[in-house]
Amino acid sequence: LDVEYTNRATLTATRPLDNSVIPAETASDEMCIKDRLARLDPQKAVEVNYIMPPPGAMTTGNPYFPGARVRYLLTLENDGDDDNSAGFVTGSTAFANLVNPIMADLLPPDLYYEAGSWEIDPTFTNTTGLTASDVTFDSIGDFNGSGRTLLRWRFTGNVTPGSRLRIRFNASISMMAPIGVTQGNDYCLTSASQEFHCDE
């Protein structure tokens, strides 16, 4: 598994009139053998038009100012490419259920989760059949001594091939956040049978 194979064909011929050799023509194609697994596709976005920005907020869009609220959108989808080259896959959907998926978002030091704000996005079509009651949510401050907060959603249930849902939550930017510094944070998706796949 996970090995690239090359199949090469060569055509040779001779001219019947003088038996001279015609230069060989070669063609090849590659394939990669993969296990029939789920195909994770983590996606993360920032929503521009936020609901009820905090009083005195200087902005609700990009660029963001200290004290402003940010809303993040995290998509869980069993329909990704699993880091395979597009030339090596024969379809756009997964081959197996994504079992008990885990979503994790490690916030930068100057971004604070707004307690109680996460929800399965009601404006996004949820085709997984999973609900908030299928989720165990953790907000872990100073994760592994990093000074950053880890948000984690652990689902109980299966995400069938092609299914997806989206979670949204609010966070606030610290008044002490450094000015002019781009803040990035990784959103990762995994399950019991998959490695981590991340989107920043």
C-alpha atoms as a PDB file:
ATOM      1  CA  LEU A   1       0.000   0.000   0.000  1.00  0.00           C
ATOM      2  CA  ASP A   2       0.974   3.649  -0.553  1.00  0.00           C
ATOM      3  CA  VAL A   3       3.468   2.622  -3.235  1.00  0.00           C
ATOM      4  CA  GLU A   4       3.513   4.238  -6.654  1.00  0.00           C
ATOM      5  CA  TYR A   5       3.704   1.823  -9.583  1.00  0.00           C
ATOM      6  CA  THR A   6       4.638   2.720 -13.143  1.00  0.00           C
ATOM      7  CA  ASN A   7       3.337   0.678 -16.059  1.00  0.00           C
ATOM      8  CA  ARG A   8       5.375   1.326 -19.188  1.00  0.00           C
ATOM      9  CA  ALA A   9       4.703   0.032 -22.709  1.00  0.00           C
ATOM     10  CA  THR A  10       7.165   0.186 -25.597  1.00  0.00           C
ATOM     11  CA  LEU A  11       6.312  -0.243 -29.280  1.00  0.00           C
ATOM     12  CA  THR A  12       8.991  -1.315 -31.760  1.00  0.00           C
ATOM     13  CA  ALA A  13       8.621  -2.058 -35.467  1.00  0.00           C
ATOM     14  CA  THR A  14      10.490  -2.435 -38.736  1.00  0.00           C
ATOM     15  CA  ARG A  15       9.633  -1.087 -42.155  1.00  0.00           C
ATOM     16  CA  PRO A  16       8.531  -3.961 -44.423  1.00  0.00           C
ATOM     17  CA  LEU A  17      10.204  -2.457 -47.501  1.00  0.00           C
ATOM     18  CA  ASP A  18      13.770  -2.308 -46.207  1.00  0.00           C
ATOM     19  CA  ASN A  19      13.581  -3.922 -42.758  1.00  0.00           C
ATOM     20  CA  SER A  20      14.929  -0.758 -41.167  1.00  0.00           C
ATOM     21  CA  VAL A  21      14.117  -0.269 -37.509  1.00  0.00           C
ATOM     22  CA  ILE A  22      11.554   2.386 -36.636  1.00  0.00           C
ATOM     23  CA  PRO A  23      12.501   4.330 -33.480  1.00  0.00           C
ATOM     24  CA  ALA A  24      10.715   2.917 -30.442  1.00  0.00           C
ATOM     25  CA  GLU A  25       7.706   4.712 -28.980  1.00  0.00           C
ATOM     26  CA  THR A  26       7.137   4.546 -25.220  1.00  0.00           C
ATOM     27  CA  ALA A  27       4.123   5.437 -23.066  1.00  0.00           C
ATOM     28  CA  SER A  28       3.632   5.045 -19.328  1.00  0.00           C
ATOM     29  CA  ASP A  29       1.082   5.609 -16.609  1.00  0.00           C
ATOM     30  CA  GLU A  30       1.272   5.605 -12.824  1.00  0.00           C
ATOM     31  CA  MET A  31      -0.983   4.293 -10.116  1.00  0.00           C
ATOM     32  CA  CYS A  32      -0.865   4.229  -6.346  1.00  0.00           C
ATOM     33  CA  ILE A  33      -2.405   1.422  -4.293  1.00  0.00           C
ATOM     34  CA  LYS A  34      -4.359   2.791  -1.322  1.00  0.00           C
ATOM     35  CA  ASP A  35      -6.369   1.163   1.410  1.00  0.00           C
ATOM     36  CA  ARG A  36     -10.135   1.579   1.167  1.00  0.00           C
ATOM     37  CA  LEU A  37     -10.368   4.151   3.948  1.00  0.00           C
ATOM     38  CA  ALA A  38     -12.274   7.287   4.743  1.00  0.00           C
ATOM     39  CA  ARG A  39     -10.861  10.393   3.091  1.00  0.00           C
ATOM     40  CA  LEU A  40     -10.648  13.333   5.472  1.00  0.00           C
ATOM     41  CA  ASP A  41     -11.098  16.871   4.214  1.00  0.00           C
ATOM     42  CA  PRO A  42     -10.655  19.484   6.981  1.00  0.00           C
ATOM     43  CA  GLN A  43     -11.583  23.020   5.956  1.00  0.00           C
ATOM     44  CA  LYS A  44     -11.423  26.192   8.011  1.00  0.00           C
ATOM     45  CA  ALA A  45     -12.693  29.678   7.271  1.00  0.00           C
ATOM     46  CA  VAL A  46     -13.277  32.984   9.033  1.00  0.00           C
ATOM     47  CA  GLU A  47     -16.739  34.494   8.754  1.00  0.00           C
ATOM     48  CA  VAL A  48     -16.719  38.232   8.047  1.00  0.00           C
ATOM     49  CA  ASN A  49     -20.208  39.320   9.145  1.00  0.00           C
ATOM     50  CA  TYR A  50     -20.365  38.437  12.825  1.00  0.00           C
ATOM     51  CA  ILE A  51     -23.481  38.357  14.936  1.00  0.00           C
ATOM     52  CA  MET A  52     -23.619  40.799  17.883  1.00  0.00           C
ATOM     53  CA  PRO A  53     -19.999  42.057  17.994  1.00  0.00           C
ATOM     54  CA  PRO A  54     -18.926  43.066  21.505  1.00  0.00           C
ATOM     55  CA  PRO A  55     -19.644  46.686  22.524  1.00  0.00           C
ATOM     56  CA  GLY A  56     -16.933  49.058  21.420  1.00  0.00           C
ATOM     57  CA  ALA A  57     -15.452  46.652  18.884  1.00  0.00           C
ATOM     58  CA  MET A  58     -13.524  48.625  16.302  1.00  0.00           C
ATOM     59  CA  THR A  59     -14.129  46.124  13.518  1.00  0.00           C
ATOM     60  CA  THR A  60     -15.952  42.943  12.646  1.00  0.00           C
ATOM     61  CA  GLY A  61     -13.885  42.149   9.582  1.00  0.00           C
ATOM     62  CA  ASN A  62     -10.340  41.835   8.315  1.00  0.00           C
ATOM     63  CA  PRO A  63      -8.036  43.461   9.396  1.00  0.00           C
ATOM     64  CA  TYR A  64      -8.943  42.604  12.959  1.00  0.00           C
ATOM     65  CA  PHE A  65      -8.313  44.857  15.926  1.00  0.00           C
ATOM     66  CA  PRO A  66      -7.616  43.993  19.579  1.00  0.00           C
ATOM     67  CA  GLY A  67     -10.900  43.265  21.329  1.00  0.00           C
ATOM     68  CA  ALA A  68     -12.733  42.239  18.167  1.00  0.00           C
ATOM     69  CA  ARG A  69     -14.748  39.045  17.855  1.00  0.00           C
ATOM     70  CA  VAL A  70     -13.859  36.401  15.274  1.00  0.00           C
ATOM     71  CA  ARG A  71     -16.157  33.613  14.131  1.00  0.00           C
ATOM     72  CA  TYR A  72     -14.541  30.453  12.796  1.00  0.00           C
ATOM     73  CA  LEU A  73     -16.159  27.839  10.580  1.00  0.00           C
ATOM     74  CA  LEU A  74     -14.790  24.282  10.734  1.00  0.00           C
ATOM     75  CA  THR A  75     -15.967  21.693   8.214  1.00  0.00           C
ATOM     76  CA  LEU A  76     -15.887  17.956   8.850  1.00  0.00           C
ATOM     77  CA  GLU A  77     -16.128  16.054   5.581  1.00  0.00           C
ATOM     78  CA  ASN A  78     -15.506  12.453   4.554  1.00  0.00           C
ATOM     79  CA  ASP A  79     -14.778  13.339   0.957  1.00  0.00           C
ATOM     80  CA  GLY A  80     -11.193  14.556   0.748  1.00  0.00           C
ATOM     81  CA  ASP A  81      -8.190  13.524  -1.308  1.00  0.00           C
ATOM     82  CA  ASP A  82      -6.266  12.200   1.731  1.00  0.00           C
ATOM     83  CA  ASP A  83      -3.088  13.833   0.338  1.00  0.00           C
ATOM     84  CA  ASN A  84      -3.196  11.680  -2.797  1.00  0.00           C
ATOM     85  CA  SER A  85      -2.188  13.220  -6.091  1.00  0.00           C
ATOM     86  CA  ALA A  86      -5.281  13.867  -8.183  1.00  0.00           C
ATOM     87  CA  GLY A  87      -3.867  11.658 -10.936  1.00  0.00           C
ATOM     88  CA  PHE A  88      -3.862   8.635  -8.633  1.00  0.00           C
ATOM     89  CA  VAL A  89      -7.492   8.670  -7.519  1.00  0.00           C
ATOM     90  CA  THR A  90     -10.415   7.417  -9.565  1.00  0.00           C
ATOM     91  CA  GLY A  91     -13.252   9.086  -7.724  1.00  0.00           C
ATOM     92  CA  SER A  92     -14.050  12.102  -5.579  1.00  0.00           C
ATOM     93  CA  THR A  93     -15.605  10.297  -2.628  1.00  0.00           C
ATOM     94  CA  ALA A  94     -14.351   8.234   0.282  1.00  0.00           C
ATOM     95  CA  PHE A  95     -14.339   4.440   0.339  1.00  0.00           C
ATOM     96  CA  ALA A  96     -15.379   3.821   3.953  1.00  0.00           C
ATOM     97  CA  ASN A  97     -17.127   5.401   6.911  1.00  0.00           C
ATOM     98  CA  LEU A  98     -15.236   7.889   9.058  1.00  0.00           C
ATOM     99  CA  VAL A  99     -15.666   6.306  12.495  1.00  0.00           C
ATOM    100  CA  ASN A 100     -15.822   8.453  15.641  1.00  0.00           C
ATOM    101  CA  PRO A 101     -14.108  11.486  14.096  1.00  0.00           C
ATOM    102  CA  ILE A 102     -12.230  14.034  16.188  1.00  0.00           C
ATOM    103  CA  MET A 103     -11.941  17.723  15.320  1.00  0.00           C
ATOM    104  CA  ALA A 104      -9.256  19.812  17.023  1.00  0.00           C
ATOM    105  CA  ASP A 105      -8.407  23.518  16.758  1.00  0.00           C
ATOM    106  CA  LEU A 106      -5.351  24.943  18.535  1.00  0.00           C
ATOM    107  CA  LEU A 107      -5.930  28.670  18.969  1.00  0.00           C
ATOM    108  CA  PRO A 108      -3.044  31.160  18.906  1.00  0.00           C
ATOM    109  CA  PRO A 109      -2.012  32.673  22.270  1.00  0.00           C
ATOM    110  CA  ASP A 110      -3.937  35.932  21.775  1.00  0.00           C
ATOM    111  CA  LEU A 111      -7.238  34.375  20.726  1.00  0.00           C
ATOM    112  CA  TYR A 112      -9.720  33.361  23.412  1.00  0.00           C
ATOM    113  CA  TYR A 113     -12.630  30.969  22.920  1.00  0.00           C
ATOM    114  CA  GLU A 114     -16.014  32.434  23.829  1.00  0.00           C
ATOM    115  CA  ALA A 115     -17.438  29.889  26.254  1.00  0.00           C
ATOM    116  CA  GLY A 116     -20.649  28.255  25.096  1.00  0.00           C
ATOM    117  CA  SER A 117     -20.474  29.689  21.578  1.00  0.00           C
ATOM    118  CA  TRP A 118     -19.818  26.537  19.546  1.00  0.00           C
ATOM    119  CA  GLU A 119     -22.658  24.893  17.665  1.00  0.00           C
ATOM    120  CA  ILE A 120     -23.292  22.727  14.640  1.00  0.00           C
ATOM    121  CA  ASP A 121     -23.892  25.429  12.042  1.00  0.00           C
ATOM    122  CA  PRO A 122     -27.651  25.600  11.332  1.00  0.00           C
ATOM    123  CA  THR A 123     -27.009  27.545   8.094  1.00  0.00           C
ATOM    124  CA  PHE A 124     -24.973  24.676   6.627  1.00  0.00           C
ATOM    125  CA  THR A 125     -26.507  21.461   5.295  1.00  0.00           C
ATOM    126  CA  ASN A 126     -25.581  18.690   7.721  1.00  0.00           C
ATOM    127  CA  THR A 127     -25.686  15.371   5.841  1.00  0.00           C
ATOM    128  CA  THR A 128     -24.006  13.262   8.545  1.00  0.00           C
ATOM    129  CA  GLY A 129     -27.013  12.666  10.764  1.00  0.00           C
ATOM    130  CA  LEU A 130     -24.861  13.646  13.769  1.00  0.00           C
ATOM    131  CA  THR A 131     -26.118  16.201  16.276  1.00  0.00           C
ATOM    132  CA  ALA A 132     -24.674  18.125  19.217  1.00  0.00           C
ATOM    133  CA  SER A 133     -25.720  15.267  21.499  1.00  0.00           C
ATOM    134  CA  ASP A 134     -23.211  13.039  19.649  1.00  0.00           C
ATOM    135  CA  VAL A 135     -20.320  15.368  20.577  1.00  0.00           C
ATOM    136  CA  THR A 136     -18.060  15.562  23.607  1.00  0.00           C
ATOM    137  CA  PHE A 137     -16.511  19.050  23.599  1.00  0.00           C
ATOM    138  CA  ASP A 138     -13.362  20.074  25.490  1.00  0.00           C
ATOM    139  CA  SER A 139     -11.730  23.469  25.856  1.00  0.00           C
ATOM    140  CA  ILE A 140      -8.235  22.855  27.224  1.00  0.00           C
ATOM    141  CA  GLY A 141      -6.323  25.947  28.320  1.00  0.00           C
ATOM    142  CA  ASP A 142      -2.520  26.113  28.116  1.00  0.00           C
ATOM    143  CA  PHE A 143      -2.487  22.893  26.106  1.00  0.00           C
ATOM    144  CA  ASN A 144       0.747  20.985  26.801  1.00  0.00           C
ATOM    145  CA  GLY A 145       2.258  24.151  28.278  1.00  0.00           C
ATOM    146  CA  SER A 146       1.927  26.007  24.963  1.00  0.00           C
ATOM    147  CA  GLY A 147      -0.014  28.965  26.347  1.00  0.00           C
ATOM    148  CA  ARG A 148      -2.672  28.182  23.741  1.00  0.00           C
ATOM    149  CA  THR A 149      -6.195  26.822  24.044  1.00  0.00           C
ATOM    150  CA  LEU A 150      -7.094  23.553  22.342  1.00  0.00           C
ATOM    151  CA  LEU A 151     -10.703  23.125  21.268  1.00  0.00           C
ATOM    152  CA  ARG A 152     -11.670  19.494  20.667  1.00  0.00           C
ATOM    153  CA  TRP A 153     -14.870  17.882  19.413  1.00  0.00           C
ATOM    154  CA  ARG A 154     -15.084  14.082  19.795  1.00  0.00           C
ATOM    155  CA  PHE A 155     -17.944  12.531  17.867  1.00  0.00           C
ATOM    156  CA  THR A 156     -19.609   9.214  18.567  1.00  0.00           C
ATOM    157  CA  GLY A 157     -20.913   7.834  15.299  1.00  0.00           C
ATOM    158  CA  ASN A 158     -20.082   7.324  11.644  1.00  0.00           C
ATOM    159  CA  VAL A 159     -19.701   9.852   8.852  1.00  0.00           C
ATOM    160  CA  THR A 160     -20.603   8.056   5.651  1.00  0.00           C
ATOM    161  CA  PRO A 161     -18.719   8.707   2.381  1.00  0.00           C
ATOM    162  CA  GLY A 162     -19.573  12.119   0.968  1.00  0.00           C
ATOM    163  CA  SER A 163     -21.199  13.376   4.185  1.00  0.00           C
ATOM    164  CA  ARG A 164     -20.269  16.580   5.968  1.00  0.00           C
ATOM    165  CA  LEU A 165     -21.190  19.048   8.668  1.00  0.00           C
ATOM    166  CA  ARG A 166     -19.849  22.392   9.875  1.00  0.00           C
ATOM    167  CA  ILE A 167     -19.151  23.714  13.348  1.00  0.00           C
ATOM    168  CA  ARG A 168     -18.917  27.388  14.149  1.00  0.00           C
ATOM    169  CA  PHE A 169     -17.656  29.183  17.247  1.00  0.00           C
ATOM    170  CA  ASN A 170     -16.671  32.643  18.394  1.00  0.00           C
ATOM    171  CA  ALA A 171     -13.357  33.835  19.772  1.00  0.00           C
ATOM    172  CA  SER A 172     -12.093  37.220  20.879  1.00  0.00           C
ATOM    173  CA  ILE A 173      -8.766  38.855  20.182  1.00  0.00           C
ATOM    174  CA  SER A 174      -6.823  39.909  23.268  1.00  0.00           C
ATOM    175  CA  MET A 175      -6.419  43.634  23.881  1.00  0.00           C
ATOM    176  CA  MET A 176      -2.712  42.842  24.303  1.00  0.00           C
ATOM    177  CA  ALA A 177      -2.366  41.106  20.924  1.00  0.00           C
ATOM    178  CA  PRO A 178       0.689  42.331  18.969  1.00  0.00           C
ATOM    179  CA  ILE A 179      -0.154  44.752  16.177  1.00  0.00           C
ATOM    180  CA  GLY A 180       0.701  43.834  12.584  1.00  0.00           C
ATOM    181  CA  VAL A 181       1.260  40.140  13.305  1.00  0.00           C
ATOM    182  CA  THR A 182      -0.600  37.519  11.271  1.00  0.00           C
ATOM    183  CA  GLN A 183      -2.220  34.999  13.603  1.00  0.00           C
ATOM    184  CA  GLY A 184      -2.697  31.487  12.260  1.00  0.00           C
ATOM    185  CA  ASN A 185      -4.079  28.394  13.910  1.00  0.00           C
ATOM    186  CA  ASP A 186      -4.330  24.807  12.771  1.00  0.00           C
ATOM    187  CA  TYR A 187      -7.584  22.904  12.520  1.00  0.00           C
ATOM    188  CA  CYS A 188      -7.045  19.134  12.349  1.00  0.00           C
ATOM    189  CA  LEU A 189      -9.319  16.189  11.686  1.00  0.00           C
ATOM    190  CA  THR A 190      -8.653  12.579  12.589  1.00  0.00           C
ATOM    191  CA  SER A 191     -10.333   9.334  13.666  1.00  0.00           C
ATOM    192  CA  ALA A 192      -9.395   5.983  15.170  1.00  0.00           C
ATOM    193  CA  SER A 193      -8.203   4.703  11.787  1.00  0.00           C
ATOM    194  CA  GLN A 194      -6.718   7.874  10.292  1.00  0.00           C
ATOM    195  CA  GLU A 195      -3.723  10.140  10.720  1.00  0.00           C
ATOM    196  CA  PHE A 196      -4.163  13.863  11.410  1.00  0.00           C
ATOM    197  CA  HIS A 197      -5.070  16.020   8.421  1.00  0.00           C
ATOM    198  CA  CYS A 198      -4.885  19.761   9.011  1.00  0.00           C
ATOM    199  CA  ASP A 199      -5.891  23.089   7.517  1.00  0.00           C
ATOM    200  CA  GLU A 200      -4.597  26.446   8.754  1.00  0.00           C
END
